Amino acid sequence: MKVFSAALFASVTLTCVTCEATTHDERKLIAGGEIVPAGTKTYNLVQARKLAKADGSDFKGGEWATSMGWGVTKDEGFAPPSVELLRVDLQIWTDKKCFEKYSVGDTTFCAGGLKNAGICGIDNGGPLIIESETTDESGDVLVGVAMGADGCGIEGNPGGFARVSSARDWLDDIISGESTD
């Protein structure tokens, strides 16, 4: 049984393991600390998203959400990250079902678990967003941050996500400048 743990950080350390780019000008820095190869499709990544409410009322088990990242697409040996931003729709598990699978606490939840669809290596730190019904992203809500998965796209093995609502008070302090952390 795999147990997930998570922490949200106010600052991000950037690491580039196998970058082809040799200078800062040859790559793009995208919100969230991702280093993206030049020429990568980026969609609208800088668009602000609402943070999940501290009471956790923004989502429940059974709802669908969208995760995005430049992660690998198979869990076999070393694979390079995607050069295109990928997205996948994942169904959020109930807390009970997630706990039965991974013994997670109340700061973590599960989403996914379908064959050939899920988060994978290098997706950690990526968003899980409940998309609004509107035509723009103004109503989208960031509900989770990818932490990892037990394999990639394996049926019955969901990804683990840090629950944004559980860190909302701390995030509000960071955003307002009142935090001493």
Protein backbone atom coordinates (compact mmCIF):
# COMPACT_ATOMS: atom_id res chain seq x y z
CA MET A 1 0.00 0.00 0.00
CA LYS A 2 1.49 3.34 -1.04
CA VAL A 3 1.13 6.32 1.28
CA PHE A 4 1.26 9.84 -0.15
CA SER A 5 2.44 12.90 1.72
CA ALA A 6 2.55 16.44 0.44
CA ALA A 7 3.68 19.93 1.16
CA LEU A 8 2.91 23.15 -0.64
CA PHE A 9 5.79 25.58 -1.02
CA ALA A 10 5.73 29.35 -1.42
CA SER A 11 8.90 29.27 -3.48
CA VAL A 12 10.03 26.81 -6.11
CA THR A 13 13.50 25.50 -6.84
CA LEU A 14 13.97 25.09 -10.57
CA THR A 15 15.80 22.02 -11.75
CA CYS A 16 16.50 21.04 -15.33
CA VAL A 17 17.74 17.47 -15.64
CA THR A 18 18.01 17.09 -19.42
CA CYS A 19 17.46 20.52 -20.94
CA GLU A 20 18.64 21.05 -24.48
CA ALA A 21 18.55 24.80 -23.95
CA THR A 22 21.81 26.37 -22.86
CA THR A 23 20.72 29.89 -21.97
CA HIS A 24 17.77 31.38 -20.14
CA ASP A 25 16.65 33.05 -23.38
CA GLU A 26 16.24 29.67 -25.08
CA ARG A 27 13.56 28.44 -22.72
CA LYS A 28 10.38 29.79 -21.20
CA LEU A 29 9.66 29.94 -17.52
CA ILE A 30 6.02 29.21 -16.81
CA ALA A 31 4.13 29.79 -13.54
CA GLY A 32 4.61 26.93 -11.12
CA GLY A 33 8.32 26.51 -11.72
CA GLU A 34 8.17 24.46 -14.91
CA ILE A 35 10.97 24.92 -17.43
CA VAL A 36 9.53 24.45 -20.88
CA PRO A 37 11.51 23.92 -24.11
CA ALA A 38 11.27 26.71 -26.66
CA GLY A 39 8.45 26.20 -29.13
CA THR A 40 6.27 24.33 -26.65
CA LYS A 41 2.52 24.90 -26.90
CA THR A 42 1.66 26.61 -23.63
CA TYR A 43 -2.06 27.32 -23.84
CA ASN A 44 -3.04 30.06 -21.38
CA LEU A 45 -0.99 29.02 -18.36
CA VAL A 46 -0.59 32.43 -16.81
CA GLN A 47 -4.35 32.90 -16.42
CA ALA A 48 -5.10 33.19 -12.71
CA ARG A 49 -7.33 30.52 -11.23
CA LYS A 50 -9.43 30.79 -8.11
CA LEU A 51 -8.09 28.83 -5.16
CA ALA A 52 -10.35 26.23 -3.58
CA LYS A 53 -12.31 27.48 -0.56
CA ALA A 54 -10.89 26.57 2.85
CA ASP A 55 -14.05 24.62 3.71
CA GLY A 56 -13.44 22.23 0.79
CA SER A 57 -16.87 22.86 -0.72
CA ASP A 58 -15.56 23.38 -4.28
CA PHE A 59 -15.65 19.70 -5.22
CA LYS A 60 -16.77 16.26 -4.14
CA GLY A 61 -16.14 12.67 -5.11
CA GLY A 62 -17.50 11.78 -8.54
CA GLU A 63 -16.82 15.19 -10.12
CA TRP A 64 -14.44 15.54 -13.05
CA ALA A 65 -11.38 17.79 -13.05
CA THR A 66 -8.53 18.52 -15.45
CA SER A 67 -4.83 17.99 -14.74
CA MET A 68 -2.05 19.37 -16.94
CA GLY A 69 1.67 18.79 -17.21
CA TRP A 70 4.72 17.98 -19.29
CA GLY A 71 5.14 14.55 -17.75
CA VAL A 72 6.14 11.32 -19.39
CA THR A 73 3.42 9.24 -21.00
CA LYS A 74 4.61 5.77 -20.00
CA ASP A 75 6.08 4.24 -16.89
CA GLU A 76 8.87 2.23 -18.49
CA GLY A 77 12.47 3.15 -17.74
CA PHE A 78 13.64 6.67 -18.52
CA ALA A 79 11.40 8.60 -20.84
CA PRO A 80 11.87 12.26 -21.75
CA PRO A 81 9.20 14.77 -20.74
CA SER A 82 6.60 15.79 -23.26
CA VAL A 83 7.43 18.84 -25.38
CA GLU A 84 3.74 19.64 -25.54
CA LEU A 85 1.58 20.52 -22.56
CA LEU A 86 -0.70 17.56 -21.97
CA ARG A 87 -4.06 17.55 -20.24
CA VAL A 88 -6.24 14.78 -18.93
CA ASP A 89 -9.70 14.71 -17.39
CA LEU A 90 -9.77 12.74 -14.15
CA GLN A 91 -12.66 11.75 -11.94
CA ILE A 92 -12.22 12.67 -8.28
CA TRP A 93 -12.59 9.75 -5.87
CA THR A 94 -14.58 9.93 -2.64
CA ASP A 95 -12.41 10.42 0.45
CA LYS A 96 -13.45 6.98 1.72
CA LYS A 97 -12.44 5.20 -1.50
CA CYS A 98 -9.12 7.10 -1.62
CA PHE A 99 -8.35 6.22 2.01
CA GLU A 100 -9.11 2.55 1.35
CA LYS A 101 -6.61 2.56 -1.54
CA TYR A 102 -3.76 4.64 -0.08
CA SER A 103 -4.48 5.43 3.62
CA VAL A 104 -4.23 9.16 2.95
CA GLY A 105 -5.06 11.92 5.40
CA ASP A 106 -7.43 14.83 4.99
CA THR A 107 -4.86 16.96 3.14
CA THR A 108 -4.76 14.56 0.19
CA PHE A 109 -7.31 13.21 -2.27
CA CYS A 110 -7.33 10.90 -5.28
CA ALA A 111 -8.35 11.41 -8.90
CA GLY A 112 -8.05 9.20 -11.95
CA GLY A 113 -7.42 5.49 -11.97
CA LEU A 114 -8.53 4.85 -15.54
CA LYS A 115 -6.43 2.82 -17.97
CA ASN A 116 -4.02 4.97 -20.02
CA ALA A 117 -5.14 8.23 -18.37
CA GLY A 118 -3.55 9.89 -15.36
CA ILE A 119 -0.63 11.82 -13.99
CA CYS A 120 2.87 10.44 -14.47
CA GLY A 121 6.52 11.32 -13.84
CA ILE A 122 7.33 15.05 -13.99
CA ASP A 123 3.64 15.97 -13.54
CA ASN A 124 4.18 16.48 -9.79
CA GLY A 125 3.34 20.04 -8.82
CA GLY A 126 0.90 20.42 -11.70
CA PRO A 127 -2.65 21.66 -11.24
CA LEU A 128 -5.94 19.83 -10.87
CA ILE A 129 -8.64 22.27 -11.93
CA ILE A 130 -12.41 22.12 -11.83
CA GLU A 131 -13.22 23.94 -15.06
CA SER A 132 -16.11 26.39 -15.15
CA GLU A 133 -19.03 26.16 -17.51
CA THR A 134 -18.14 29.60 -18.93
CA THR A 135 -16.14 30.12 -22.11
CA ASP A 136 -13.19 31.68 -20.27
CA GLU A 137 -11.11 30.45 -17.33
CA SER A 138 -12.37 33.09 -14.86
CA GLY A 139 -14.52 30.57 -12.99
CA ASP A 140 -11.98 27.73 -12.93
CA VAL A 141 -10.96 26.57 -9.44
CA LEU A 142 -7.58 25.09 -8.49
CA VAL A 143 -8.53 22.23 -6.15
CA GLY A 144 -5.39 20.08 -6.17
CA VAL A 145 -1.66 19.90 -6.79
CA ALA A 146 -0.30 16.66 -8.28
CA MET A 147 1.85 14.66 -5.86
CA GLY A 148 2.37 11.39 -7.66
CA ALA A 149 0.84 8.12 -8.73
CA ASP A 150 1.52 4.43 -8.26
CA GLY A 151 2.37 3.87 -11.93
CA CYS A 152 1.15 5.82 -14.94
CA GLY A 153 -2.36 5.36 -16.27
CA ILE A 154 -2.89 2.05 -14.51
CA GLU A 155 -6.51 1.10 -14.06
CA GLY A 156 -7.48 1.28 -10.38
CA ASN A 157 -4.44 3.37 -9.38
CA PRO A 158 -5.44 7.04 -9.07
CA GLY A 159 -3.06 9.94 -8.72
CA GLY A 160 -2.61 11.60 -5.34
CA PHE A 161 -3.26 15.34 -5.09
CA ALA A 162 -2.55 17.83 -2.31
CA ARG A 163 -5.84 19.39 -1.28
CA VAL A 164 -5.55 23.17 -1.91
CA SER A 165 -8.40 23.85 0.54
CA SER A 166 -6.36 22.35 3.41
CA ALA A 167 -3.61 24.93 2.84
CA ARG A 168 -5.90 27.86 2.05
CA ASP A 169 -5.32 29.81 5.28
CA TRP A 170 -1.54 29.49 4.85
CA LEU A 171 -1.76 30.42 1.16
CA ASP A 172 -3.85 33.49 2.02
CA ASP A 173 -1.16 34.56 4.52
CA ILE A 174 1.56 34.12 1.88
CA ILE A 175 -0.42 36.07 -0.73
CA SER A 176 -1.22 38.91 1.68
CA GLY A 177 2.39 39.10 2.86
CA GLU A 178 1.42 38.38 6.48
CA SER A 179 3.22 35.03 6.73
CA THR A 180 6.55 34.71 8.50
CA ASP A 181 7.22 31.30 6.87
